[in-house]
Amino acid sequence: MTIKPTVGILHPGSMGAAVAACTRANAARVLWCPAGRSAATAARAERAGLEPVAGLDELLEQAHIVLSLCPPAAAEDMARVVAERRYAGVYVEANAINPERTQRIAALLDRCARAVVDGAVIGSPPVGGKRTRLYLSGPADAMLLVEDLFAGSPVETPVLGNDIGQASALKLAYSSYQKASRVLAAVAFGAARAHGVDEALLDVAGKRQGSYLVETGYVAKTAARAWRWGPEMEEAADMLSAVGLPDELLRAVAQTLARWGDSKGLAELTPDEALDRLTRP
């Protein structure tokens, strides 16, 4: 009989909680630590069916597999805290960070952990019938454990290879286009609106297929997510710089997103309100 593993999720945001919930069918328990977390996070974790534990030490002692899905800026500090506690299981580094940072985290945890797996979540949170992909790279035996964990769930686990950093590179290569293009669309629409030609811009863009200029709802959605996307674009810029590619465009995108720094979680924001916020220095 196969023994089901216990899973721990670090900082369950909207994506982390949804992904962790998808492991419940193949896990004995799915743990999280509410210490220092907000009431909104606690409610989200409860809806996802996650089991609270008293502290991080208890989570790390019991979890065979730990999933790290937190804001990019916190990824390395979180891994350092886990390493200081000599975590001995499989650590899945699934944050939107550049490959060099992922490799540093792997080197840090290799001293104690059974294995480190590089993961990249691409897609919407797997709720309400939606599916997403958790791309994997790293040690083959550890990746197999992660694949088994999500078997039969809305989270697919394509394997990229055995090199730590491959999954992180894919995530940032994809998101650098996907997210930067939405920011550029917002700036273009804002310029058109300032000159009273926004409806004409919509008409022009509507004659082309697949343009974010037509989907103006993305302006408000981008503003609400800017607090998380900005640091991710900085990570993507670091990745470009490391391989000799120009990073200025993504640095500028990150700076533009910073103008929406006070729009976190404002789901009811309209495109016009988002653009008004964007024009403020």
Protein backbone atom coordinates (compact mmCIF):
# COMPACT_ATOMS: atom_id res chain seq x y z
CA MET A 1 0.00 0.00 0.00
CA THR A 2 1.36 3.44 -0.98
CA ILE A 3 1.70 5.82 1.95
CA LYS A 4 0.26 9.23 1.16
CA PRO A 5 2.60 12.15 1.90
CA THR A 6 1.85 15.12 4.11
CA VAL A 7 2.10 18.43 2.25
CA GLY A 8 2.90 21.89 3.57
CA ILE A 9 2.09 25.11 1.71
CA LEU A 10 3.96 28.33 2.53
CA HIS A 11 1.98 31.58 2.34
CA PRO A 12 -1.20 30.38 0.60
CA GLY A 13 -2.30 33.26 -1.60
CA SER A 14 -5.03 32.88 -4.21
CA MET A 15 -2.78 30.70 -6.40
CA GLY A 16 -1.01 28.87 -3.58
CA ALA A 17 -4.21 27.90 -1.77
CA ALA A 18 -5.84 26.67 -4.98
CA VAL A 19 -2.78 24.64 -6.01
CA ALA A 20 -2.41 23.17 -2.52
CA ALA A 21 -6.08 22.18 -2.50
CA CYS A 22 -5.45 20.12 -5.63
CA THR A 23 -3.09 17.85 -3.67
CA ARG A 24 -5.71 16.82 -1.13
CA ALA A 25 -6.85 13.68 -2.98
CA ASN A 26 -3.30 12.28 -3.02
CA ALA A 27 -2.02 13.63 0.30
CA ALA A 28 -2.60 12.45 3.84
CA ARG A 29 -2.83 16.05 5.07
CA VAL A 30 -2.27 19.52 3.58
CA LEU A 31 -0.87 21.89 6.20
CA TRP A 32 -0.40 25.63 6.45
CA CYS A 33 0.79 27.99 9.19
CA PRO A 34 -1.59 30.88 10.07
CA ALA A 35 0.88 32.65 12.39
CA GLY A 36 1.25 36.25 11.23
CA ARG A 37 -1.12 35.81 8.29
CA SER A 38 -4.20 37.93 7.59
CA ALA A 39 -7.83 37.05 8.20
CA ALA A 40 -8.33 36.97 4.42
CA THR A 41 -5.56 34.37 4.08
CA ALA A 42 -7.09 32.30 6.89
CA ALA A 43 -10.49 32.36 5.20
CA ARG A 44 -8.91 31.40 1.88
CA ALA A 45 -7.05 28.50 3.46
CA GLU A 46 -10.22 27.28 5.17
CA ARG A 47 -12.14 27.35 1.88
CA ALA A 48 -9.33 25.34 0.28
CA GLY A 49 -9.55 22.70 3.02
CA LEU A 50 -6.05 23.33 4.37
CA GLU A 51 -5.24 22.23 7.91
CA PRO A 52 -3.74 24.88 10.22
CA VAL A 53 -0.76 24.07 12.44
CA ALA A 54 0.63 26.02 15.37
CA GLY A 55 3.87 27.15 13.75
CA LEU A 56 6.34 26.75 10.91
CA ASP A 57 8.44 24.30 12.91
CA GLU A 58 5.49 21.92 13.20
CA LEU A 59 4.71 22.23 9.49
CA LEU A 60 8.31 21.44 8.49
CA GLU A 61 8.57 18.54 10.91
CA GLN A 62 5.47 16.87 9.48
CA ALA A 63 5.51 17.74 5.76
CA HIS A 64 7.18 15.32 3.35
CA ILE A 65 6.74 17.89 0.55
CA VAL A 66 6.70 21.68 0.95
CA LEU A 67 5.31 23.97 -1.75
CA SER A 68 6.65 27.53 -1.76
CA LEU A 69 4.27 29.91 -3.55
CA CYS A 70 4.80 33.41 -2.22
CA PRO A 71 5.58 36.89 -3.62
CA PRO A 72 8.90 36.87 -5.53
CA ALA A 73 10.65 39.23 -3.13
CA ALA A 74 10.02 36.85 -0.22
CA ALA A 75 11.12 33.62 -1.93
CA GLU A 76 14.77 33.60 -0.93
CA ASP A 77 14.16 34.76 2.64
CA MET A 78 11.49 32.08 3.03
CA ALA A 79 13.87 29.40 1.77
CA ARG A 80 16.55 30.63 4.16
CA VAL A 81 14.16 30.33 7.11
CA VAL A 82 13.28 26.78 6.00
CA ALA A 83 16.96 25.86 5.61
CA GLU A 84 17.77 27.22 9.08
CA ARG A 85 15.24 24.71 10.44
CA ARG A 86 17.03 21.89 8.61
CA TYR A 87 14.01 20.83 6.57
CA ALA A 88 14.62 17.27 5.36
CA GLY A 89 11.85 16.71 2.80
CA VAL A 90 11.24 17.75 -0.83
CA TYR A 91 11.09 21.53 -1.34
CA VAL A 92 9.20 22.74 -4.41
CA GLU A 93 10.40 26.27 -5.25
CA ALA A 94 7.46 27.45 -7.39
CA ASN A 95 7.83 31.22 -7.20
CA ALA A 96 8.19 33.63 -10.11
CA ILE A 97 11.92 34.24 -9.64
CA ASN A 98 14.87 34.21 -12.00
CA PRO A 99 16.90 31.01 -12.55
CA GLU A 100 19.94 32.26 -10.65
CA ARG A 101 17.87 32.87 -7.52
CA THR A 102 16.30 29.43 -7.85
CA GLN A 103 19.76 27.89 -8.08
CA ARG A 104 20.87 29.80 -4.96
CA ILE A 105 17.84 28.50 -3.10
CA ALA A 106 18.59 24.95 -4.26
CA ALA A 107 22.20 25.25 -3.07
CA LEU A 108 21.01 26.60 0.27
CA LEU A 109 18.55 23.75 0.85
CA ASP A 110 20.72 20.99 -0.59
CA ARG A 111 22.54 20.92 2.74
CA CYS A 112 19.48 19.51 4.48
CA ALA A 113 16.56 18.79 2.13
CA ARG A 114 16.02 15.47 0.41
CA ALA A 115 15.68 17.38 -2.88
CA VAL A 116 14.72 20.74 -4.39
CA VAL A 117 12.38 20.88 -7.36
CA ASP A 118 12.12 23.96 -9.57
CA GLY A 119 8.46 24.68 -10.35
CA ALA A 120 6.65 27.22 -12.52
CA VAL A 121 2.90 27.80 -12.31
CA ILE A 122 1.46 29.06 -15.58
CA GLY A 123 -2.26 29.70 -15.83
CA SER A 124 -5.11 30.86 -13.62
CA PRO A 125 -5.74 29.41 -10.14
CA PRO A 126 -7.25 25.94 -10.62
CA VAL A 127 -10.74 26.68 -9.29
CA GLY A 128 -14.19 26.68 -10.84
CA GLY A 129 -13.29 24.15 -13.50
CA LYS A 130 -10.11 25.94 -14.57
CA ARG A 131 -6.89 24.00 -15.12
CA THR A 132 -3.31 25.14 -14.72
CA ARG A 133 0.17 23.77 -15.28
CA LEU A 134 3.00 23.35 -12.81
CA TYR A 135 6.10 22.90 -14.97
CA LEU A 136 8.89 21.01 -13.24
CA SER A 137 12.65 20.64 -13.50
CA GLY A 138 15.15 19.01 -11.17
CA PRO A 139 15.93 15.55 -9.78
CA ALA A 140 13.86 12.88 -11.52
CA ASP A 141 12.82 10.97 -8.39
CA ALA A 142 11.66 14.12 -6.60
CA MET A 143 9.72 15.32 -9.65
CA LEU A 144 7.96 11.95 -9.77
CA LEU A 145 6.72 12.52 -6.22
CA VAL A 146 5.30 15.90 -7.27
CA GLU A 147 3.69 14.40 -10.37
CA ASP A 148 2.04 11.71 -8.22
CA LEU A 149 0.85 14.37 -5.79
CA PHE A 150 -1.15 16.15 -8.49
CA ALA A 151 -2.25 13.07 -10.46
CA GLY A 152 -5.90 13.30 -11.49
CA SER A 153 -6.18 16.93 -10.38
CA PRO A 154 -6.71 20.16 -12.38
CA VAL A 155 -2.95 20.81 -12.09
CA GLU A 156 -0.90 19.25 -14.89
CA THR A 157 2.81 18.69 -14.20
CA PRO A 158 4.86 18.73 -17.43
CA VAL A 159 8.55 17.89 -16.91
CA LEU A 160 11.10 20.14 -18.64
CA GLY A 161 14.36 18.46 -17.65
CA ASN A 162 16.75 17.83 -14.79
CA ASP A 163 18.35 21.27 -14.49
CA ILE A 164 17.31 23.58 -11.66
CA GLY A 165 16.36 26.89 -13.30
CA GLN A 166 14.62 25.54 -16.40
CA ALA A 167 11.12 25.89 -14.97
CA SER A 168 11.89 29.36 -13.59
CA ALA A 169 13.23 30.48 -16.98
CA LEU A 170 10.07 29.29 -18.73
CA LYS A 171 7.84 31.13 -16.27
CA LEU A 172 9.65 34.44 -16.64
CA ALA A 173 10.08 34.14 -20.41
CA TYR A 174 6.33 33.69 -20.72
CA SER A 175 5.27 36.27 -18.13
CA SER A 176 7.68 38.91 -19.45
CA TYR A 177 5.62 39.01 -22.65
CA GLN A 178 2.20 38.35 -21.16
CA LYS A 179 2.41 40.95 -18.42
CA ALA A 180 4.54 43.56 -20.16
CA SER A 181 2.14 43.57 -23.13
CA ARG A 182 -0.78 44.35 -20.83
CA VAL A 183 1.13 47.25 -19.30
CA LEU A 184 1.98 48.61 -22.75
CA ALA A 185 -1.70 48.31 -23.73
CA ALA A 186 -2.71 50.27 -20.64
CA VAL A 187 -0.19 53.03 -21.42
CA ALA A 188 -1.33 53.20 -25.05
CA PHE A 189 -4.99 53.38 -24.03
CA GLY A 190 -4.19 56.05 -21.43
CA ALA A 191 -2.43 58.19 -24.05
CA ALA A 192 -5.37 57.81 -26.43
CA ARG A 193 -7.85 58.72 -23.70
CA ALA A 194 -5.87 61.86 -22.81
CA HIS A 195 -6.35 63.06 -26.40
CA GLY A 196 -9.97 61.96 -26.73
CA VAL A 197 -9.26 59.20 -29.25
CA ASP A 198 -9.70 56.16 -27.02
CA GLU A 199 -12.81 54.98 -28.87
CA ALA A 200 -10.94 55.31 -32.16
CA LEU A 201 -8.08 53.25 -30.74
CA LEU A 202 -10.53 50.54 -29.74
CA ASP A 203 -11.92 50.55 -33.26
CA VAL A 204 -8.45 50.24 -34.81
CA ALA A 205 -7.38 47.51 -32.39
CA GLY A 206 -10.66 45.68 -32.88
CA LYS A 207 -9.78 45.04 -36.49
CA ARG A 208 -6.84 42.93 -35.34
CA GLN A 209 -7.02 39.59 -33.57
CA GLY A 210 -5.81 38.98 -30.03
CA SER A 211 -4.89 42.54 -29.00
CA TYR A 212 -4.91 43.54 -25.35
CA LEU A 213 -5.90 47.01 -26.60
CA VAL A 214 -9.39 45.62 -27.21
CA GLU A 215 -9.67 43.94 -23.80
CA THR A 216 -9.74 47.10 -21.70
CA GLY A 217 -10.85 45.13 -18.65
CA TYR A 218 -7.24 44.02 -18.38
CA VAL A 219 -6.25 47.58 -17.47
CA ALA A 220 -8.06 47.37 -14.14
CA LYS A 221 -7.02 43.75 -13.55
CA THR A 222 -3.39 44.69 -14.18
CA ALA A 223 -3.62 47.56 -11.70
CA ALA A 224 -4.99 45.27 -8.99
CA ARG A 225 -2.16 42.77 -9.56
CA ALA A 226 0.64 45.31 -9.99
CA TRP A 227 1.98 44.76 -6.45
CA ARG A 228 2.88 41.20 -7.45
CA TRP A 229 3.65 41.67 -11.14
CA GLY A 230 6.15 44.50 -10.62
CA PRO A 231 8.64 42.38 -8.64
CA GLU A 232 8.12 39.56 -11.14
CA MET A 233 9.12 41.87 -14.00
CA GLU A 234 12.25 42.83 -12.05
CA GLU A 235 13.06 39.12 -11.78
CA ALA A 236 12.51 38.73 -15.53
CA ALA A 237 14.76 41.73 -16.19
CA ASP A 238 17.48 40.14 -14.04
CA MET A 239 17.15 36.98 -16.12
CA LEU A 240 17.57 38.93 -19.37
CA SER A 241 20.57 40.79 -18.03
CA ALA A 242 22.22 37.54 -16.93
CA VAL A 243 22.18 36.19 -20.50
CA GLY A 244 23.25 39.44 -22.17
CA LEU A 245 19.82 40.60 -23.37
CA PRO A 246 18.53 44.18 -22.94
CA ASP A 247 16.59 44.55 -19.68
CA GLU A 248 15.53 48.19 -19.90
CA LEU A 249 12.02 47.52 -21.23
CA LEU A 250 11.07 45.23 -18.36
CA ARG A 251 12.64 47.61 -15.81
CA ALA A 252 10.37 50.32 -17.23
CA VAL A 253 7.37 48.00 -17.04
CA ALA A 254 8.16 47.34 -13.36
CA GLN A 255 8.42 51.09 -12.71
CA THR A 256 5.09 51.63 -14.45
CA LEU A 257 3.46 48.92 -12.36
CA ALA A 258 4.81 50.62 -9.24
CA ARG A 259 2.45 53.53 -9.96
CA TRP A 260 -0.39 51.11 -9.21
CA GLY A 261 1.18 50.07 -5.92
CA ASP A 262 -1.84 51.30 -3.92
CA SER A 263 -4.32 49.32 -6.03
CA LYS A 264 -3.68 45.90 -4.49
CA GLY A 265 -6.79 43.75 -4.46
CA LEU A 266 -9.15 46.45 -5.79
CA ALA A 267 -11.25 44.03 -7.81
CA GLU A 268 -14.00 46.61 -8.47
CA LEU A 269 -11.62 49.14 -10.05
CA THR A 270 -12.79 50.35 -13.47
CA PRO A 271 -10.43 50.88 -16.43
CA ASP A 272 -10.91 54.66 -16.15
CA GLU A 273 -10.12 54.63 -12.44
CA ALA A 274 -7.03 52.51 -13.08
CA LEU A 275 -5.82 54.93 -15.76
CA ASP A 276 -6.41 57.87 -13.41
CA ARG A 277 -4.15 56.17 -10.88
CA LEU A 278 -1.56 55.49 -13.58
CA THR A 279 -1.29 59.20 -14.43
CA ARG A 280 -0.33 60.04 -10.86
CA PRO A 281 3.48 60.21 -10.39
